[in-house]
Protein backbone atom coordinates (compact mmCIF):
# COMPACT_ATOMS: atom_id res chain seq x y z
CA MET A 1 75.56 34.88 110.40
CA VAL A 2 76.86 35.14 106.85
CA VAL A 3 74.55 37.47 105.03
CA THR A 4 73.98 35.81 101.55
CA ILE A 5 73.40 37.98 98.44
CA LEU A 6 72.53 36.95 94.72
CA SER A 7 73.17 39.51 92.33
CA ILE A 8 72.44 39.19 88.42
CA ASP A 9 73.47 41.41 85.70
CA GLY A 10 71.56 42.87 82.83
CA GLY A 11 72.24 41.61 79.24
CA GLY A 12 68.96 40.68 77.37
CA ILE A 13 68.77 37.15 75.82
CA ARG A 14 72.08 36.43 77.51
CA GLY A 15 70.16 36.03 80.69
CA LEU A 16 70.03 32.54 79.71
CA LEU A 17 73.63 32.28 81.06
CA PRO A 18 72.92 33.12 84.68
CA ALA A 19 69.61 31.07 84.54
CA ARG A 20 71.67 28.03 83.56
CA VAL A 21 74.28 28.73 86.32
CA LEU A 22 71.40 28.97 88.94
CA GLN A 23 70.08 25.52 87.50
CA GLU A 24 73.57 23.98 87.99
CA ILE A 25 73.85 25.40 91.58
CA ARG A 26 70.47 23.84 92.20
CA PHE A 27 71.62 20.56 91.03
CA ARG A 28 74.74 20.54 93.10
CA LEU A 29 72.79 21.67 96.20
CA GLU A 30 70.34 18.92 95.86
CA LYS A 31 73.17 16.43 95.51
CA ARG A 32 74.22 17.61 99.00
CA GLY A 33 70.66 17.18 100.38
CA GLU A 34 69.93 20.89 100.36
CA ARG A 35 66.45 21.55 98.93
CA ARG A 36 65.49 24.86 100.36
CA ALA A 37 64.33 27.54 97.79
CA TYR A 38 66.71 30.26 96.71
CA SER A 39 64.40 32.76 98.65
CA GLU A 40 65.47 30.92 101.74
CA LEU A 41 69.17 30.63 100.90
CA PHE A 42 69.71 34.10 99.89
CA ASN A 43 68.96 36.99 102.27
CA LEU A 44 68.82 39.55 99.41
CA VAL A 45 68.29 38.95 95.62
CA ALA A 46 69.09 41.95 93.19
CA GLY A 47 68.76 42.19 89.60
CA THR A 48 68.99 44.57 86.64
CA SER A 49 67.11 44.17 83.34
CA THR A 50 67.08 40.51 82.37
CA GLY A 51 68.69 39.75 85.62
CA ALA A 52 65.64 41.58 87.28
CA LEU A 53 63.35 39.10 85.77
CA ILE A 54 65.46 36.14 87.13
CA ALA A 55 65.73 37.90 90.55
CA LEU A 56 61.95 38.26 90.86
CA ALA A 57 61.30 34.68 89.77
CA VAL A 58 63.74 33.15 92.22
CA SER A 59 62.38 35.43 95.10
CA LEU A 60 59.08 33.60 95.09
CA ARG A 61 58.11 30.34 96.80
CA ASN A 62 55.03 28.34 97.42
CA LYS A 63 53.34 27.92 100.67
CA ASP A 64 55.04 24.41 101.08
CA GLY A 65 58.36 26.15 100.73
CA SER A 66 59.16 24.88 97.29
CA GLU A 67 60.29 27.38 94.57
CA CYS A 68 57.46 28.95 92.55
CA PHE A 69 59.61 29.12 89.47
CA PRO A 70 62.23 26.27 89.56
CA SER A 71 65.40 27.04 87.62
CA GLU A 72 64.56 24.73 84.67
CA MET A 73 61.52 26.69 84.16
CA ILE A 74 63.39 29.92 84.10
CA VAL A 75 65.83 28.39 81.62
CA ASP A 76 62.89 27.10 79.55
CA LEU A 77 61.44 30.71 79.40
CA TYR A 78 64.48 32.01 77.69
CA LYS A 79 64.67 29.07 75.38
CA SER A 80 61.05 28.80 74.31
CA ARG A 81 59.55 32.27 74.58
CA SER A 82 62.38 34.81 73.75
CA ALA A 83 61.35 34.99 70.18
CA GLU A 84 58.12 36.39 71.26
CA ILE A 85 59.89 39.52 72.70
CA PHE A 86 62.69 39.64 70.11
CA PRO A 87 60.90 38.41 66.80
CA LEU A 88 63.37 36.86 64.39
CA SER A 89 61.93 39.17 61.57
CA TYR A 90 63.39 42.16 63.35
CA GLN A 91 67.13 41.01 63.03
CA SER A 92 67.45 42.49 59.62
CA ALA A 93 69.69 45.45 58.67
CA LEU A 94 66.46 47.47 58.05
CA HIS A 95 65.28 47.14 61.47
CA THR A 96 68.57 47.90 62.97
CA ALA A 97 68.56 51.08 60.96
CA VAL A 98 65.15 51.89 62.12
CA GLN A 99 66.35 51.65 65.60
CA ALA A 100 68.12 55.06 64.95
CA PHE A 101 64.75 56.71 64.90
CA ARG A 102 62.44 54.80 67.21
CA ASN A 103 62.28 51.79 69.46
CA LYS A 104 63.20 48.49 67.69
CA TYR A 105 60.47 46.42 69.44
CA SER A 106 56.97 46.79 70.61
CA ALA A 107 56.70 46.32 74.24
CA GLU A 108 53.30 44.55 74.09
CA PRO A 109 54.63 40.94 73.53
CA PHE A 110 56.93 41.55 76.49
CA GLU A 111 54.26 42.78 78.62
CA LYS A 112 52.07 39.88 77.87
CA LEU A 113 54.84 37.40 78.56
CA LEU A 114 55.40 39.19 82.05
CA LEU A 115 51.67 38.86 82.71
CA ASP A 116 51.67 35.25 81.79
CA PHE A 117 54.71 34.51 84.02
CA PHE A 118 53.97 36.67 87.11
CA GLY A 119 50.28 37.39 86.94
CA ASP A 120 49.31 39.66 89.77
CA LYS A 121 52.18 38.86 92.07
CA LYS A 122 53.67 41.87 94.00
CA LEU A 123 57.27 42.59 95.31
CA SER A 124 55.79 42.23 98.72
CA ASP A 125 55.06 38.49 97.89
CA ALA A 126 58.74 37.83 97.61
CA GLY A 127 60.10 35.41 100.28
CA THR A 128 63.27 37.33 100.63
CA ASN A 129 64.69 40.92 100.48
CA LEU A 130 64.61 42.18 96.88
CA LEU A 131 66.23 45.05 95.02
CA ILE A 132 65.22 45.85 91.32
CA THR A 133 66.94 48.71 89.45
CA SER A 134 65.48 51.17 87.12
CA PHE A 135 66.06 54.84 86.23
CA ASP A 136 63.47 57.43 86.59
CA THR A 137 63.53 59.88 83.52
CA ASN A 138 61.45 62.61 85.26
CA SER A 139 63.63 63.00 88.30
CA MET A 140 66.73 61.96 86.51
CA GLN A 141 67.47 59.61 89.47
CA PRO A 142 67.99 55.87 90.02
CA HIS A 143 64.81 54.19 91.07
CA CYS A 144 65.18 51.07 92.90
CA MET A 145 62.14 48.92 93.60
CA LYS A 146 62.34 46.98 96.93
CA ASN A 147 60.96 44.36 99.16
CA ARG A 148 62.44 44.59 102.66
CA ILE A 149 61.62 42.40 105.66
CA PRO A 150 60.14 42.66 108.14
CA LYS A 151 57.70 44.67 106.17
CA GLU A 152 56.55 46.62 109.60
CA LYS A 153 60.06 48.16 109.58
CA TRP A 154 60.16 49.10 106.07
CA ASN A 155 56.54 50.15 105.33
CA ASP A 156 57.32 53.24 103.60
CA ASP A 157 58.63 51.21 100.44
CA PRO A 158 56.10 51.49 97.69
CA ASP A 159 54.84 48.03 96.42
CA PHE A 160 54.83 47.31 92.74
CA LEU A 161 53.41 44.37 90.64
CA MET A 162 56.39 42.17 89.65
CA ARG A 163 55.43 42.34 86.01
CA ASP A 164 55.69 46.16 86.20
CA ALA A 165 59.02 45.98 88.06
CA ALA A 166 60.37 43.61 85.42
CA ARG A 167 59.13 45.78 82.50
CA ALA A 168 60.71 48.93 84.04
CA SER A 169 63.97 47.37 84.78
CA ALA A 170 64.38 45.97 81.19
CA ALA A 171 63.24 49.05 79.34
CA ALA A 172 66.37 49.50 77.30
CA PRO A 173 66.42 52.80 75.36
CA THR A 174 66.12 52.16 71.63
CA TYR A 175 64.82 48.64 72.16
CA PHE A 176 61.65 49.36 74.15
CA SER A 177 59.71 52.40 75.25
CA PRO A 178 59.99 53.46 78.79
CA ALA A 179 57.64 51.75 81.40
CA PHE A 180 54.81 54.02 82.63
CA ILE A 181 53.80 52.51 85.83
CA SER A 182 52.54 53.26 89.28
CA SER A 183 52.75 51.68 92.68
CA ILE A 184 50.02 49.65 94.11
CA GLU A 185 49.36 52.18 96.90
CA SER A 186 49.38 55.28 94.57
CA PRO A 187 47.97 54.40 91.19
CA GLN A 188 47.54 58.17 90.39
CA LEU A 189 51.32 58.70 90.64
CA LYS A 190 52.97 57.49 87.47
CA TYR A 191 56.74 56.77 87.00
CA SER A 192 58.59 57.04 83.64
CA LEU A 193 61.22 54.32 83.99
CA ILE A 194 63.95 52.93 81.83
CA ASP A 195 66.44 50.11 82.05
CA GLY A 196 68.42 49.86 85.33
CA GLY A 197 71.43 49.08 83.10
CA VAL A 198 71.96 52.63 82.29
CA PHE A 199 73.59 53.09 85.80
CA ALA A 200 73.90 49.68 87.32
CA SER A 201 74.37 46.92 84.69
CA ASN A 202 76.12 44.96 87.63
CA PRO A 203 73.86 45.63 90.75
CA ALA A 204 76.08 43.87 93.07
CA GLY A 205 77.45 47.04 94.64
CA LEU A 206 73.98 48.32 95.31
CA ALA A 207 72.92 45.14 96.69
CA TYR A 208 75.79 45.07 99.11
CA VAL A 209 74.93 48.61 100.39
CA GLU A 210 71.29 47.58 100.76
CA ALA A 211 72.23 44.56 102.63
CA THR A 212 74.29 46.57 105.17
CA LYS A 213 71.20 48.64 105.80
CA ILE A 214 68.91 45.70 106.26
CA PHE A 215 71.42 43.81 108.49
CA PRO A 216 73.36 46.50 110.30
CA ASP A 217 74.63 44.22 112.88
CA GLU A 218 76.17 41.63 110.66
CA LYS A 219 79.80 41.60 109.63
CA GLU A 220 80.23 38.91 107.03
CA PHE A 221 78.70 38.79 103.65
CA LEU A 222 78.70 36.39 100.76
CA ILE A 223 77.88 37.95 97.32
CA LEU A 224 77.43 35.67 94.39
CA SER A 225 77.43 37.90 91.30
CA LEU A 226 76.32 36.32 87.91
CA GLY A 227 77.26 37.93 84.81
CA THR A 228 75.79 37.68 81.34
CA GLY A 229 79.03 37.55 79.55
CA LYS A 230 81.50 40.07 78.20
CA SER A 231 83.05 40.82 74.96
CA ARG A 232 86.54 39.77 74.20
CA HIS A 233 86.52 42.54 71.60
CA GLY A 234 87.95 45.84 72.53
CA TYR A 235 88.24 49.06 70.33
CA SER A 236 91.69 49.99 69.32
CA PHE A 237 92.90 53.62 68.82
CA GLU A 238 93.26 53.00 65.09
CA GLU A 239 89.42 51.94 64.94
CA ILE A 240 87.91 54.68 67.09
CA HIS A 241 90.10 57.79 66.57
CA GLY A 242 87.98 59.21 63.70
CA TRP A 243 84.55 58.14 65.05
CA GLY A 244 81.71 60.53 65.22
CA TYR A 245 78.30 60.17 66.96
CA VAL A 246 76.93 57.54 64.56
CA GLU A 247 79.74 55.25 64.98
CA TRP A 248 79.72 55.39 68.75
CA VAL A 249 76.10 54.42 68.84
CA ASN A 250 76.02 52.00 65.87
CA PRO A 251 74.21 48.79 67.08
CA LYS A 252 76.07 46.79 64.42
CA LYS A 253 79.27 47.55 66.27
CA GLY A 254 77.67 46.58 69.54
CA PHE A 255 76.75 50.11 70.48
CA PRO A 256 80.31 50.91 71.60
CA ILE A 257 79.60 53.90 73.78
CA GLY A 258 77.00 51.92 75.91
CA ALA A 259 79.18 48.72 75.87
CA ILE A 260 82.13 50.79 77.29
CA MET A 261 80.18 52.57 79.98
CA SER A 262 78.46 49.36 80.91
CA ALA A 263 81.84 47.29 81.16
CA GLY A 264 83.49 50.21 83.02
CA GLN A 265 80.73 50.12 85.68
CA SER A 266 80.58 46.51 86.06
CA GLU A 267 84.52 46.19 86.33
CA ALA A 268 84.55 48.89 89.03
CA VAL A 269 82.07 47.19 91.07
CA ASN A 270 83.83 43.91 90.81
CA HIS A 271 87.19 45.61 91.87
CA GLN A 272 85.62 47.37 94.82
CA LEU A 273 83.76 44.32 96.30
CA SER A 274 86.60 41.96 95.77
CA ARG A 275 88.76 44.01 97.97
CA LEU A 276 86.53 44.32 101.04
CA ASP A 277 87.82 42.16 103.92
CA ASN A 278 84.26 41.38 105.27
CA VAL A 279 82.96 40.18 101.91
CA ARG A 280 83.51 36.94 100.15
CA PHE A 281 82.77 38.10 96.58
CA ILE A 282 82.25 35.32 94.02
CA ARG A 283 82.04 36.52 90.39
CA ILE A 284 80.82 33.96 87.79
CA ASN A 285 81.17 35.34 84.27
CA THR A 286 82.64 34.42 80.92
CA ILE A 287 84.06 35.76 77.77
CA LEU A 288 81.88 35.85 74.68
CA HIS A 289 82.71 35.11 71.19
CA GLU A 290 81.55 37.30 68.44
CA ASN A 291 78.61 35.03 67.55
CA SER A 292 77.11 35.07 71.13
CA ILE A 293 77.41 38.72 72.01
CA SER A 294 73.89 39.84 70.85
CA ILE A 295 71.31 40.80 73.43
CA ASP A 296 68.32 40.31 71.28
CA ASP A 297 68.88 37.47 68.88
CA ALA A 298 66.48 34.71 69.94
CA GLY A 299 67.21 32.70 66.85
CA ARG A 300 67.83 28.82 67.39
CA ASP A 301 71.51 29.09 66.46
CA HIS A 302 72.11 31.84 68.96
CA ILE A 303 70.18 30.10 71.73
CA SER A 304 72.28 27.01 71.02
CA THR A 305 75.44 29.07 71.14
CA LEU A 306 74.40 30.44 74.49
CA LEU A 307 73.67 27.04 75.96
CA LYS A 308 77.20 25.87 74.97
CA THR A 309 78.63 29.07 76.36
CA ALA A 310 76.76 28.46 79.66
CA ASP A 311 78.30 24.99 79.84
CA LEU A 312 81.79 26.58 79.32
CA MET A 313 80.91 29.20 82.07
CA ILE A 314 80.04 26.44 84.49
CA ASN A 315 83.05 24.27 83.73
CA SER A 316 85.59 27.12 83.99
CA ASN A 317 84.11 28.20 87.28
CA ASP A 318 83.71 24.80 88.98
CA GLU A 319 85.55 25.47 92.11
CA LEU A 320 83.81 28.76 92.66
CA LEU A 321 80.47 27.00 92.21
CA GLU A 322 81.48 24.32 94.67
CA GLU A 323 82.52 26.87 97.16
CA THR A 324 79.20 28.72 96.80
CA CYS A 325 77.28 25.58 97.35
CA GLU A 326 79.45 24.81 100.50
CA ILE A 327 78.76 28.15 102.10
CA LEU A 328 74.90 28.19 101.25
CA SER A 329 74.52 24.69 102.59
CA GLN A 330 76.81 25.04 105.72
CA PHE A 331 76.17 28.46 107.01
CA HIS A 332 72.61 29.34 106.06
């Protein structure tokens, strides 16, 4: 048996990129006659932040085996409802300046969207193993919310509403307030959780370790790791050598300290997983131009640019996508 893992990075509105890639993979699988839901094709699905929303969505299937949220529905969610979460009126220089003192956005529209999308579905409703990242600000520890199968073996895993898990994993500091949530079993115990991207913007490494625990006797793994794009812009010595605190955290410069830490974590994970003999690690990502790097621009022009970027991402990774479809349809 080849244990199949789907891992999806964080990246705000740029979650449209992996959503489109999954739509393309679905199209190619159906051309091969493979119509099983992603929750059947992948033994484990993991996500951080915007990737958590996608991971939760693809983990669900209907009683007839069909996908609860087809790929095109997830893509449409990003295209048609992102402006509810990231209002266009908040893209001004004034709101960016205000972000230095408080959260840029109210979490209420995001929470309403998650309620509309997931309703009262729970992690335990997932049709596959699930790993959703967040960080507990009280204990100062990573907090991963899980669904592990069979549930009888892993009955100590606390269960959460999917909408709460998505809210917690995407609670990016300075953008949204922390999520203040509880498990279904212990409503009196509250967690203060922020975006899993603070420690695992690329959750593929966590997903691999989790899969080895769930499937201890299996030796072969496929990891499909979907990125949300990376900047081609680095920071030269001449640019940064005189920077102080304000410049390192300046949103207009792409929050440099956060971008560097996120890129470092992600590239370290890619480096490690690509060198494991028992893992076929397939990383699908792309380089972003400066006009597509924003994580919270829900304007029409930016959405259009991201869709074009997704097409380039698909075309430039054609062979890897074909290999992925071959493995999923042949060995699963």
